[in-house]
Amino acid sequence: VQLVESGGGLVQPGGSLRLSCAASGFDFSAYAMSWYRQAPGKERESVATIRSSGTTTDYADSVKGRFTISRDNAKNTVYLQMNYLRPEDTAVYYCYVHLWSDEYWGQGTQVTVSS
């Protein structure tokens, strides 16, 4: 199983970024996918989850209305569109999947929101 994130970077407050997570090594279309984030000195927290079909999504209260999770099962890729970014969104963002009794994380991509 491999999860590879991309799309992070430095953005000004109010700006946008789109993160991508390319997955391989498992039946991507059969599993829910999630994005987590971890800010310096804080615990890792769930940001958004999308079910296997893509029709059901869940968001942390802190990102509702600003972030959108989506997936392309033909490309084995999950996305996180982040709009109206705030300094408190600064964190390393991780892609995550739970397969039966195992869980897998990507290497993370840094998102920094600063003027």
C-alpha atoms as a PDB file:
ATOM      1  CA  VAL A   1       0.000   0.000   0.000  1.00  0.00           C
ATOM      2  CA  GLN A   2       1.298   3.410  -0.904  1.00  0.00           C
ATOM      3  CA  LEU A   3      -0.214   6.841  -0.358  1.00  0.00           C
ATOM      4  CA  VAL A   4       1.575   9.821  -1.898  1.00  0.00           C
ATOM      5  CA  GLU A   5       0.403  13.342  -1.127  1.00  0.00           C
ATOM      6  CA  SER A   6       1.173  16.431  -3.165  1.00  0.00           C
ATOM      7  CA  GLY A   7      -0.015  19.998  -3.552  1.00  0.00           C
ATOM      8  CA  GLY A   8       1.077  21.594  -0.312  1.00  0.00           C
ATOM      9  CA  GLY A   9       2.869  24.912  -0.101  1.00  0.00           C
ATOM     10  CA  LEU A  10       2.853  28.459   1.183  1.00  0.00           C
ATOM     11  CA  VAL A  11      -0.331  30.498   0.666  1.00  0.00           C
ATOM     12  CA  GLN A  12      -1.618  33.790   1.977  1.00  0.00           C
ATOM     13  CA  PRO A  13      -4.663  33.929   4.276  1.00  0.00           C
ATOM     14  CA  GLY A  14      -7.813  33.726   2.216  1.00  0.00           C
ATOM     15  CA  GLY A  15      -6.083  31.759  -0.497  1.00  0.00           C
ATOM     16  CA  SER A  16      -6.678  28.263  -1.837  1.00  0.00           C
ATOM     17  CA  LEU A  17      -4.777  25.033  -2.323  1.00  0.00           C
ATOM     18  CA  ARG A  18      -5.723  21.623  -3.645  1.00  0.00           C
ATOM     19  CA  LEU A  19      -4.071  18.572  -2.151  1.00  0.00           C
ATOM     20  CA  SER A  20      -3.907  15.249  -3.959  1.00  0.00           C
ATOM     21  CA  CYS A  21      -3.258  11.759  -2.657  1.00  0.00           C
ATOM     22  CA  ALA A  22      -2.369   9.066  -5.174  1.00  0.00           C
ATOM     23  CA  ALA A  23      -3.096   5.594  -3.809  1.00  0.00           C
ATOM     24  CA  SER A  24      -1.833   2.198  -4.908  1.00  0.00           C
ATOM     25  CA  GLY A  25      -1.592  -1.362  -3.692  1.00  0.00           C
ATOM     26  CA  PHE A  26      -5.217  -1.910  -2.733  1.00  0.00           C
ATOM     27  CA  ASP A  27      -8.728  -1.737  -4.186  1.00  0.00           C
ATOM     28  CA  PHE A  28      -9.068   2.024  -3.874  1.00  0.00           C
ATOM     29  CA  SER A  29     -12.722   2.167  -4.933  1.00  0.00           C
ATOM     30  CA  ALA A  30     -13.769  -0.121  -2.072  1.00  0.00           C
ATOM     31  CA  TYR A  31     -12.522   1.969   0.846  1.00  0.00           C
ATOM     32  CA  ALA A  32     -13.226   5.240   2.562  1.00  0.00           C
ATOM     33  CA  MET A  33     -10.378   7.727   2.426  1.00  0.00           C
ATOM     34  CA  SER A  34      -9.503  10.459   4.878  1.00  0.00           C
ATOM     35  CA  TRP A  35      -7.363  13.525   5.290  1.00  0.00           C
ATOM     36  CA  TYR A  36      -5.775  14.321   8.652  1.00  0.00           C
ATOM     37  CA  ARG A  37      -3.544  17.167   9.728  1.00  0.00           C
ATOM     38  CA  GLN A  38      -1.040  17.828  12.475  1.00  0.00           C
ATOM     39  CA  ALA A  39       0.051  21.286  13.528  1.00  0.00           C
ATOM     40  CA  PRO A  40       3.256  21.875  15.522  1.00  0.00           C
ATOM     41  CA  GLY A  41       2.755  20.919  19.150  1.00  0.00           C
ATOM     42  CA  LYS A  42      -0.724  19.545  18.535  1.00  0.00           C
ATOM     43  CA  GLU A  43      -2.214  16.101  18.076  1.00  0.00           C
ATOM     44  CA  ARG A  44      -3.099  14.777  14.663  1.00  0.00           C
ATOM     45  CA  GLU A  45      -6.747  15.495  13.871  1.00  0.00           C
ATOM     46  CA  SER A  46      -9.248  14.311  11.306  1.00  0.00           C
ATOM     47  CA  VAL A  47     -10.087  16.870   8.649  1.00  0.00           C
ATOM     48  CA  ALA A  48     -12.368  15.102   6.174  1.00  0.00           C
ATOM     49  CA  THR A  49     -13.521  11.632   5.123  1.00  0.00           C
ATOM     50  CA  ILE A  50     -15.148  10.400   1.945  1.00  0.00           C
ATOM     51  CA  ARG A  51     -16.882   7.038   1.607  1.00  0.00           C
ATOM     52  CA  SER A  52     -15.972   4.573  -1.113  1.00  0.00           C
ATOM     53  CA  SER A  53     -18.717   5.679  -3.513  1.00  0.00           C
ATOM     54  CA  GLY A  54     -17.910   9.334  -3.023  1.00  0.00           C
ATOM     55  CA  THR A  55     -21.509  10.200  -2.153  1.00  0.00           C
ATOM     56  CA  THR A  56     -20.988  10.659   1.605  1.00  0.00           C
ATOM     57  CA  THR A  57     -18.512  13.028   3.201  1.00  0.00           C
ATOM     58  CA  ASP A  58     -17.724  14.173   6.733  1.00  0.00           C
ATOM     59  CA  TYR A  59     -15.811  17.243   7.856  1.00  0.00           C
ATOM     60  CA  ALA A  60     -14.324  18.632  11.017  1.00  0.00           C
ATOM     61  CA  ASP A  61     -16.329  21.607  12.238  1.00  0.00           C
ATOM     62  CA  SER A  62     -13.289  23.841  11.801  1.00  0.00           C
ATOM     63  CA  VAL A  63     -13.199  23.293   8.011  1.00  0.00           C
ATOM     64  CA  LYS A  64     -16.877  22.932   7.106  1.00  0.00           C
ATOM     65  CA  GLY A  65     -17.863  25.271   4.303  1.00  0.00           C
ATOM     66  CA  ARG A  66     -14.224  25.900   3.357  1.00  0.00           C
ATOM     67  CA  PHE A  67     -12.768  22.476   2.484  1.00  0.00           C
ATOM     68  CA  THR A  68     -14.123  19.906   0.044  1.00  0.00           C
ATOM     69  CA  ILE A  69     -12.998  16.293  -0.162  1.00  0.00           C
ATOM     70  CA  SER A  70     -13.515  14.386  -3.395  1.00  0.00           C
ATOM     71  CA  ARG A  71     -12.219  11.285  -5.134  1.00  0.00           C
ATOM     72  CA  ASP A  72     -11.648   9.915  -8.598  1.00  0.00           C
ATOM     73  CA  ASN A  73     -11.854   6.142  -8.388  1.00  0.00           C
ATOM     74  CA  ALA A  74     -10.653   5.817 -11.984  1.00  0.00           C
ATOM     75  CA  LYS A  75      -7.415   7.584 -11.025  1.00  0.00           C
ATOM     76  CA  ASN A  76      -7.086   6.092  -7.513  1.00  0.00           C
ATOM     77  CA  THR A  77      -6.789   9.615  -6.183  1.00  0.00           C
ATOM     78  CA  VAL A  78      -8.422  11.563  -3.374  1.00  0.00           C
ATOM     79  CA  TYR A  79      -8.383  15.352  -3.250  1.00  0.00           C
ATOM     80  CA  LEU A  80      -8.797  18.067  -0.655  1.00  0.00           C
ATOM     81  CA  GLN A  81      -9.797  21.451  -2.017  1.00  0.00           C
ATOM     82  CA  MET A  82      -9.024  24.069   0.615  1.00  0.00           C
ATOM     83  CA  ASN A  83     -10.495  27.547   0.240  1.00  0.00           C
ATOM     84  CA  TYR A  84     -10.471  30.623   2.492  1.00  0.00           C
ATOM     85  CA  LEU A  85      -7.377  29.313   4.224  1.00  0.00           C
ATOM     86  CA  ARG A  86      -6.512  30.650   7.658  1.00  0.00           C
ATOM     87  CA  PRO A  87      -3.228  30.736   9.569  1.00  0.00           C
ATOM     88  CA  GLU A  88      -4.641  28.095  11.912  1.00  0.00           C
ATOM     89  CA  ASP A  89      -4.885  25.697   8.955  1.00  0.00           C
ATOM     90  CA  THR A  90      -1.081  25.543   8.911  1.00  0.00           C
ATOM     91  CA  ALA A  91      -0.114  21.902   9.410  1.00  0.00           C
ATOM     92  CA  VAL A  92       1.238  18.803   7.772  1.00  0.00           C
ATOM     93  CA  TYR A  93      -1.632  17.144   5.928  1.00  0.00           C
ATOM     94  CA  TYR A  94      -1.772  13.353   5.687  1.00  0.00           C
ATOM     95  CA  CYS A  95      -3.755  10.958   3.573  1.00  0.00           C
ATOM     96  CA  TYR A  96      -5.126   7.921   5.462  1.00  0.00           C
ATOM     97  CA  VAL A  97      -6.832   4.630   4.747  1.00  0.00           C
ATOM     98  CA  HIS A  98      -8.006   1.883   7.069  1.00  0.00           C
ATOM     99  CA  LEU A  99      -7.930  -1.551   5.470  1.00  0.00           C
ATOM    100  CA  TRP A 100      -9.446  -4.361   7.545  1.00  0.00           C
ATOM    101  CA  SER A 101      -7.073  -4.526  10.532  1.00  0.00           C
ATOM    102  CA  ASP A 102      -4.341  -2.274   9.161  1.00  0.00           C
ATOM    103  CA  GLU A 103      -4.061   1.444   8.706  1.00  0.00           C
ATOM    104  CA  TYR A 104      -1.811   3.353   6.338  1.00  0.00           C
ATOM    105  CA  TRP A 105      -0.564   6.923   6.188  1.00  0.00           C
ATOM    106  CA  GLY A 106       1.096   8.971   3.506  1.00  0.00           C
ATOM    107  CA  GLN A 107       4.305  10.856   4.149  1.00  0.00           C
ATOM    108  CA  GLY A 108       2.470  14.160   4.538  1.00  0.00           C
ATOM    109  CA  THR A 109       2.548  17.480   2.733  1.00  0.00           C
ATOM    110  CA  GLN A 110       3.198  20.808   4.451  1.00  0.00           C
ATOM    111  CA  VAL A 111       0.597  23.563   4.192  1.00  0.00           C
ATOM    112  CA  THR A 112       1.629  26.972   5.509  1.00  0.00           C
ATOM    113  CA  VAL A 113      -0.818  29.863   5.612  1.00  0.00           C
ATOM    114  CA  SER A 114       0.976  33.117   6.233  1.00  0.00           C
ATOM    115  CA  SER A 115       1.241  36.643   4.919  1.00  0.00           C
END
